[in-house]
Protein backbone atom coordinates (compact mmCIF):
# COMPACT_ATOMS: atom_id res chain seq x y z
CA MET A 1 44.55 6.50 149.97
CA LYS A 2 45.22 3.71 152.48
CA VAL A 3 48.54 1.96 152.79
CA ARG A 4 48.89 -1.53 154.21
CA VAL A 5 51.91 -1.23 156.49
CA PRO A 6 54.61 -3.56 155.10
CA ARG A 7 56.45 -3.79 158.41
CA GLU A 8 55.71 -2.97 161.98
CA VAL A 9 55.54 0.78 162.51
CA PRO A 10 55.79 1.50 166.23
CA VAL A 11 53.48 4.08 167.75
CA MET A 12 53.61 5.56 171.24
CA PHE A 13 50.53 7.10 172.80
CA ALA A 14 50.10 9.28 175.83
CA PHE A 15 47.05 10.47 177.69
CA ASP A 16 46.54 13.95 179.09
CA ALA A 17 47.97 14.11 182.63
CA ALA A 18 44.47 14.71 183.99
CA GLU A 19 43.45 11.26 182.73
CA SER A 20 45.74 9.51 185.25
CA ARG A 21 46.27 6.64 182.79
CA ALA A 22 49.55 5.00 181.89
CA ASP A 23 51.05 5.83 178.52
CA GLY A 24 51.38 2.95 176.08
CA TRP A 25 52.73 1.72 172.81
CA GLY A 26 51.76 -0.53 169.98
CA ARG A 27 52.07 -0.66 166.21
CA TRP A 28 50.17 0.65 163.24
CA THR A 29 48.62 -2.19 161.24
CA ARG A 30 46.97 0.25 158.81
CA LEU A 31 47.95 3.81 158.11
CA HIS A 32 46.31 6.58 156.11
CA PRO A 33 46.57 10.37 156.19
CA ARG A 34 43.85 10.73 158.83
CA GLY A 35 45.20 8.01 161.14
CA GLY A 36 44.84 4.27 161.03
CA ARG A 37 44.50 1.11 163.09
CA VAL A 38 46.66 0.47 166.14
CA SER A 39 47.32 -2.92 167.72
CA THR A 40 48.34 -2.75 171.39
CA ARG A 41 48.19 -4.55 174.72
CA PHE A 42 47.14 -1.29 176.38
CA ARG A 43 43.47 -0.50 176.86
CA LEU A 44 42.03 1.99 174.41
CA GLU A 45 38.36 2.89 174.35
CA PRO A 46 36.15 4.77 171.88
CA GLY A 47 36.25 8.47 172.66
CA ASP A 48 39.72 8.41 174.24
CA ARG A 49 41.88 11.35 173.23
CA VAL A 50 45.55 10.48 172.98
CA PHE A 51 48.77 12.05 171.77
CA VAL A 52 50.45 9.73 169.26
CA SER A 53 54.11 9.73 168.27
CA PHE A 54 55.51 7.69 165.38
CA GLU A 55 57.67 7.82 162.28
CA ALA A 56 56.33 7.21 158.78
CA ALA A 57 58.24 7.43 155.51
CA GLY A 58 61.15 9.15 157.24
CA GLU A 59 58.94 11.84 158.82
CA ALA A 60 58.63 12.16 162.60
CA PHE A 61 55.19 12.84 164.07
CA ASP A 62 55.46 13.80 167.73
CA GLU A 63 52.55 14.05 170.15
CA VAL A 64 49.84 14.51 167.52
CA LEU A 65 46.37 14.80 169.05
CA ALA A 66 44.14 11.90 168.01
CA LYS A 67 40.81 10.37 168.94
CA VAL A 68 39.98 6.67 169.28
CA GLU A 69 36.92 6.07 167.11
CA ARG A 70 36.48 2.30 167.58
CA ALA A 71 38.23 -0.23 169.78
CA GLY A 72 37.91 -3.85 170.73
CA ARG A 73 39.92 -6.94 171.51
CA ASP A 74 41.09 -9.41 168.90
CA ALA A 75 41.27 -13.20 169.33
CA ASP A 76 44.73 -12.90 170.94
CA GLY A 77 43.62 -10.33 173.52
CA TYR A 78 45.21 -7.30 171.86
CA PHE A 79 43.28 -4.07 171.53
CA GLU A 80 42.62 -3.06 167.94
CA ALA A 81 41.74 0.62 167.77
CA ASP A 82 40.84 2.90 164.87
CA VAL A 83 42.53 6.21 165.60
CA ARG A 84 41.81 9.50 163.82
CA LEU A 85 44.34 12.35 163.82
CA GLU A 86 42.78 15.66 164.79
CA ASP A 87 45.62 18.01 163.83
CA GLU A 88 45.07 19.09 160.21
CA VAL A 89 48.69 20.19 159.72
CA ASN A 90 49.89 16.69 160.59
CA VAL A 91 47.13 15.09 158.48
CA HIS A 92 48.54 16.94 155.47
CA ARG A 93 52.14 16.08 156.43
CA LEU A 94 51.29 12.39 156.80
CA GLY A 95 49.41 12.41 153.48
CA ALA A 96 52.42 13.92 151.70
CA ALA A 97 54.79 11.42 153.36
CA LEU A 98 52.60 8.46 152.34
CA ARG A 99 52.18 9.75 148.78
CA GLY A 100 55.97 10.04 148.54
CA LEU A 101 56.34 6.49 149.81
CA VAL A 102 53.85 5.17 147.25
CA THR A 103 55.53 7.16 144.47
CA ARG A 104 58.97 5.79 145.39
CA ALA A 105 57.62 2.24 145.57
CA GLY A 106 56.19 2.54 142.07
CA LYS A 107 59.56 3.38 140.50
């Protein structure tokens, strides 16, 4: 199940302190239980491990470990990155939240 995000859903991301990289933010442009696509001005590269924090369908997801699978720049210079959540508990939580959102939208 993939959900096209109907509005901007902010996402914060942080790197491990050992990375010595600045934390950043962006927005989800696609969201599914295993992660989604992030649009940001901050550099993300394939293989990066980040901690993402966001809210979806009324559920807070704080500092969930994720991995950048693909990344590149779009025509406007933003980074578009496919991010995969690596914490199975939060994958299940996000799936349940999105299913609830889809169910409510169908009523």
